[in-house]
């Protein structure tokens, strides 16, 4: 039998082109909204969470005008001046109840468009209520949001336990503001394997958040994952 040389290199399967039609460039340290990003923000009351989100969606150095539409679901957005500013920026696409039928209509509208021309949108879910079930559309969307042209799916909470496991598992980015010891312990248990173990993760958090209004920023979709203090270009931690 004639001897044949075989190349047993495992080749990648050719992928269809995929991307979200973001309207303008953005800083590379920010979540990769052209690929689809899921951001979880956790911070205690009066520690700058709403101000941070207002900058993310309304500051031209972040994502202002990067999306064709921004949809906000928040039952507390009108309770402080900063939250009202967000509502003023997106008056027709801000909802004060977590109504799944409204969310479904947004998704249906997105799917009615041709994939190549689908609008790039952001959905912000702020202060999730405790009555949402784990299989709520607001949570299960975390597994397939990119297919709807959602460049940024943002979950913001005061308590990490409000975030369903399916959301935690699909997070690409974290913003962690002022946390109590219990909250920090939960987050360390969830994500520390990317950052040298629980004690090292907590140490990095304390460096990044020495006082209120600072935050630890995690880029989980990098390999290896990266930690920053605030949005400082300097890397705080990346495992070698």
Protein backbone atom coordinates (compact mmCIF):
# COMPACT_ATOMS: atom_id res chain seq x y z
CA UNK A 1 0.00 0.00 0.00
CA UNK A 2 1.32 3.41 -0.99
CA UNK A 3 2.29 5.52 2.01
CA UNK A 4 0.44 8.85 2.19
CA UNK A 5 1.37 11.84 4.29
CA UNK A 6 -1.54 13.12 6.35
CA UNK A 7 -1.73 16.55 7.92
CA UNK A 8 -3.68 16.09 11.16
CA UNK A 9 -3.73 19.76 12.11
CA UNK A 10 -7.17 20.68 13.47
CA UNK A 11 -8.40 23.54 11.29
CA UNK A 12 -10.94 26.14 12.42
CA UNK A 13 -14.37 25.96 10.85
CA UNK A 14 -14.94 28.91 8.54
CA UNK A 15 -17.33 31.30 10.23
CA UNK A 16 -19.85 33.57 8.57
CA UNK A 17 -19.00 37.23 8.95
CA UNK A 18 -20.62 38.61 12.11
CA UNK A 19 -20.61 42.05 13.52
CA UNK A 20 -22.89 44.74 14.88
CA UNK A 21 -23.22 47.90 12.84
CA UNK A 22 -21.96 50.40 15.40
CA UNK A 23 -22.30 53.98 14.17
CA UNK A 24 -18.86 55.28 15.16
CA UNK A 25 -15.46 54.26 16.59
CA UNK A 26 -14.98 53.85 20.35
CA UNK A 27 -12.06 53.58 22.76
CA UNK A 28 -10.53 50.06 22.73
CA UNK A 29 -10.61 49.73 26.51
CA UNK A 30 -14.41 49.90 26.50
CA UNK A 31 -16.72 46.89 26.02
CA UNK A 32 -16.57 45.52 22.46
CA UNK A 33 -19.96 46.73 21.33
CA UNK A 34 -19.20 45.92 17.69
CA UNK A 35 -19.10 42.24 18.70
CA UNK A 36 -21.77 42.37 21.39
CA UNK A 37 -20.98 42.98 25.05
CA UNK A 38 -22.78 42.12 28.28
CA UNK A 39 -21.94 44.48 31.11
CA UNK A 40 -22.81 43.89 34.78
CA UNK A 41 -22.54 46.90 37.09
CA UNK A 42 -22.75 46.31 40.85
CA UNK A 43 -22.57 49.17 43.35
CA UNK A 44 -24.26 50.08 46.59
CA UNK A 45 -26.69 52.97 46.95
CA UNK A 46 -25.26 56.49 46.58
CA UNK A 47 -21.94 55.31 45.21
CA UNK A 48 -22.16 56.75 41.70
CA UNK A 49 -23.76 53.88 39.77
CA UNK A 50 -26.34 56.00 37.94
CA UNK A 51 -23.77 58.69 37.19
CA UNK A 52 -21.48 56.04 35.73
CA UNK A 53 -24.25 54.68 33.49
CA UNK A 54 -25.20 58.19 32.41
CA UNK A 55 -21.63 58.67 31.20
CA UNK A 56 -21.55 55.32 29.42
CA UNK A 57 -24.70 56.08 27.42
CA UNK A 58 -24.61 59.88 27.26
CA UNK A 59 -20.97 60.94 27.14
CA UNK A 60 -19.44 61.22 23.65
CA UNK A 61 -16.16 59.84 25.01
CA UNK A 62 -18.05 56.63 25.77
CA UNK A 63 -21.05 55.43 23.72
CA UNK A 64 -23.17 58.47 22.98
CA UNK A 65 -24.43 58.26 19.37
CA UNK A 66 -22.76 54.86 18.88
CA UNK A 67 -26.15 53.10 18.71
CA UNK A 68 -29.19 53.59 16.53
CA UNK A 69 -31.37 53.30 19.64
CA UNK A 70 -30.95 52.92 23.40
CA UNK A 71 -33.71 51.23 25.40
CA UNK A 72 -33.87 51.62 29.17
CA UNK A 73 -35.92 49.60 31.64
CA UNK A 74 -35.78 51.00 35.16
CA UNK A 75 -38.34 51.35 37.93
CA UNK A 76 -36.16 53.88 39.79
CA UNK A 77 -34.87 56.12 37.00
CA UNK A 78 -37.09 59.08 37.94
CA UNK A 79 -36.16 59.02 41.63
CA UNK A 80 -33.03 61.14 41.40
CA UNK A 81 -31.73 63.97 39.25
CA UNK A 82 -29.04 61.88 37.56
CA UNK A 83 -31.53 59.19 36.56
CA UNK A 84 -33.91 61.78 35.17
CA UNK A 85 -31.10 63.00 32.94
CA UNK A 86 -30.93 59.56 31.33
CA UNK A 87 -34.68 59.61 30.77
CA UNK A 88 -34.39 63.04 29.13
CA UNK A 89 -31.79 61.69 26.72
CA UNK A 90 -33.95 58.74 25.67
CA UNK A 91 -37.53 59.88 26.38
CA UNK A 92 -39.39 57.61 23.95
CA UNK A 93 -37.42 54.45 24.71
CA UNK A 94 -37.34 54.56 28.51
CA UNK A 95 -39.76 52.34 30.45
CA UNK A 96 -40.45 52.45 34.20
CA UNK A 97 -41.68 48.84 34.40
CA UNK A 98 -40.07 45.54 33.46
CA UNK A 99 -42.73 44.56 30.95
CA UNK A 100 -41.66 41.50 28.97
CA UNK A 101 -44.11 42.29 26.17
CA UNK A 102 -42.31 45.62 25.55
CA UNK A 103 -38.96 43.87 25.45
CA UNK A 104 -40.34 41.25 23.08
CA UNK A 105 -41.60 43.96 20.71
CA UNK A 106 -38.11 45.46 20.60
CA UNK A 107 -36.62 42.07 19.74
CA UNK A 108 -39.30 41.37 17.12
CA UNK A 109 -38.60 44.72 15.47
CA UNK A 110 -34.90 43.92 15.34
CA UNK A 111 -35.52 40.52 13.72
CA UNK A 112 -37.76 42.04 11.05
CA UNK A 113 -34.71 43.78 9.59
CA UNK A 114 -32.28 42.11 7.21
CA UNK A 115 -29.33 40.80 9.18
CA UNK A 116 -26.76 42.85 7.26
CA UNK A 117 -28.75 46.06 7.82
CA UNK A 118 -29.97 45.40 11.36
CA UNK A 119 -29.84 48.43 13.63
CA UNK A 120 -27.29 48.47 16.43
CA UNK A 121 -29.03 48.97 19.76
CA UNK A 122 -28.26 49.01 23.47
CA UNK A 123 -30.55 47.76 26.24
CA UNK A 124 -30.03 48.96 29.80
CA UNK A 125 -31.72 47.07 32.64
CA UNK A 126 -31.35 49.08 35.83
CA UNK A 127 -32.19 48.00 39.40
CA UNK A 128 -33.74 44.67 38.48
CA UNK A 129 -36.83 43.90 40.57
CA UNK A 130 -36.92 40.80 42.75
CA UNK A 131 -40.17 39.54 41.22
CA UNK A 132 -38.50 38.55 37.94
CA UNK A 133 -38.27 34.77 37.54
CA UNK A 134 -34.98 33.11 36.47
CA UNK A 135 -36.56 32.25 33.10
CA UNK A 136 -37.76 35.81 32.49
CA UNK A 137 -36.94 37.15 29.02
CA UNK A 138 -34.95 39.89 30.74
CA UNK A 139 -32.54 37.17 31.90
CA UNK A 140 -32.64 34.58 29.10
CA UNK A 141 -31.81 37.31 26.59
CA UNK A 142 -28.26 37.12 27.97
CA UNK A 143 -27.67 33.90 26.02
CA UNK A 144 -28.52 35.20 22.52
CA UNK A 145 -28.62 39.01 22.61
CA UNK A 146 -26.02 39.42 19.85
CA UNK A 147 -28.37 37.92 17.26
CA UNK A 148 -30.75 40.83 17.77
CA UNK A 149 -28.13 43.46 16.98
CA UNK A 150 -27.68 44.34 20.66
CA UNK A 151 -24.22 45.85 20.92
CA UNK A 152 -24.49 46.43 24.67
CA UNK A 153 -26.74 44.60 27.11
CA UNK A 154 -26.28 46.30 30.47
CA UNK A 155 -27.44 44.96 33.85
CA UNK A 156 -27.04 47.26 36.85
CA UNK A 157 -27.88 46.26 40.41
CA UNK A 158 -27.20 47.17 44.00
CA UNK A 159 -27.04 43.50 45.00
CA UNK A 160 -25.18 40.85 42.98
CA UNK A 161 -27.63 38.13 44.07
CA UNK A 162 -30.23 39.81 41.85
CA UNK A 163 -28.26 38.75 38.78
CA UNK A 164 -29.43 35.40 37.39
CA UNK A 165 -26.77 32.71 36.73
CA UNK A 166 -27.35 32.85 32.95
CA UNK A 167 -26.40 36.53 33.01
CA UNK A 168 -23.34 35.95 35.21
CA UNK A 169 -22.10 33.20 32.88
CA UNK A 170 -22.38 35.37 29.77
CA UNK A 171 -20.85 38.56 31.16
CA UNK A 172 -18.04 40.08 29.08
CA UNK A 173 -17.40 43.07 31.37
CA UNK A 174 -17.86 44.01 35.03
CA UNK A 175 -17.98 47.37 36.78
CA UNK A 176 -17.75 46.98 40.55
CA UNK A 177 -18.25 50.05 42.71
CA UNK A 178 -18.60 50.28 46.48
CA UNK A 179 -19.47 46.81 47.85
CA UNK A 180 -20.03 45.41 51.33
CA UNK A 181 -17.87 42.42 52.40
CA UNK A 182 -20.62 39.91 51.58
CA UNK A 183 -21.03 41.27 48.06
CA UNK A 184 -17.28 41.23 47.49
CA UNK A 185 -17.11 37.62 48.69
CA UNK A 186 -19.86 36.57 46.24
CA UNK A 187 -18.18 38.29 43.30
CA UNK A 188 -14.80 36.86 44.23
CA UNK A 189 -16.24 33.35 44.29
CA UNK A 190 -17.82 33.92 40.87
CA UNK A 191 -14.93 35.46 38.94
CA UNK A 192 -11.64 35.10 40.86
CA UNK A 193 -10.37 32.11 38.87
CA UNK A 194 -9.55 34.57 36.09
CA UNK A 195 -7.47 36.74 38.42
CA UNK A 196 -5.17 34.63 40.56
CA UNK A 197 -7.68 33.42 43.15
CA UNK A 198 -10.13 34.96 45.60
CA UNK A 199 -7.66 36.76 47.83
CA UNK A 200 -5.87 38.35 44.90
CA UNK A 201 -9.17 39.44 43.34
CA UNK A 202 -10.22 41.07 46.61
CA UNK A 203 -6.82 42.74 46.90
CA UNK A 204 -7.18 44.17 43.38
CA UNK A 205 -10.66 45.39 44.25
CA UNK A 206 -9.39 47.24 47.32
CA UNK A 207 -6.66 48.90 45.24
CA UNK A 208 -9.17 49.97 42.61
CA UNK A 209 -11.89 51.11 45.03
CA UNK A 210 -10.17 52.85 47.95
CA UNK A 211 -13.18 55.11 48.39
CA UNK A 212 -16.67 55.80 47.06
CA UNK A 213 -17.13 56.66 43.36
CA UNK A 214 -14.21 54.52 42.19
CA UNK A 215 -14.72 51.15 40.58
CA UNK A 216 -12.96 47.98 39.46
CA UNK A 217 -13.35 47.33 35.73
CA UNK A 218 -12.98 43.73 34.49
CA UNK A 219 -12.59 42.74 30.85
CA UNK A 220 -13.59 39.10 30.99
CA UNK A 221 -13.58 38.59 27.21
CA UNK A 222 -9.83 39.16 26.97
CA UNK A 223 -7.50 36.17 27.17
CA UNK A 224 -6.24 36.29 29.81
CA UNK A 225 -8.81 38.56 31.41
CA UNK A 226 -7.81 42.08 32.49
CA UNK A 227 -8.54 44.33 35.48
CA UNK A 228 -8.38 48.13 35.50
CA UNK A 229 -8.92 50.81 38.10
CA UNK A 230 -11.76 52.89 36.69
CA UNK A 231 -11.18 53.25 32.92
CA UNK A 232 -7.46 53.85 33.34
CA UNK A 233 -5.45 52.57 30.34
CA UNK A 234 -2.89 51.12 32.73
CA UNK A 235 -3.59 47.45 33.44
CA UNK A 236 -4.09 46.73 37.14
CA UNK A 237 -3.84 42.94 36.75
CA UNK A 238 -3.52 40.38 33.97
CA UNK A 239 -2.42 36.84 34.73
CA UNK A 240 0.66 35.78 32.81
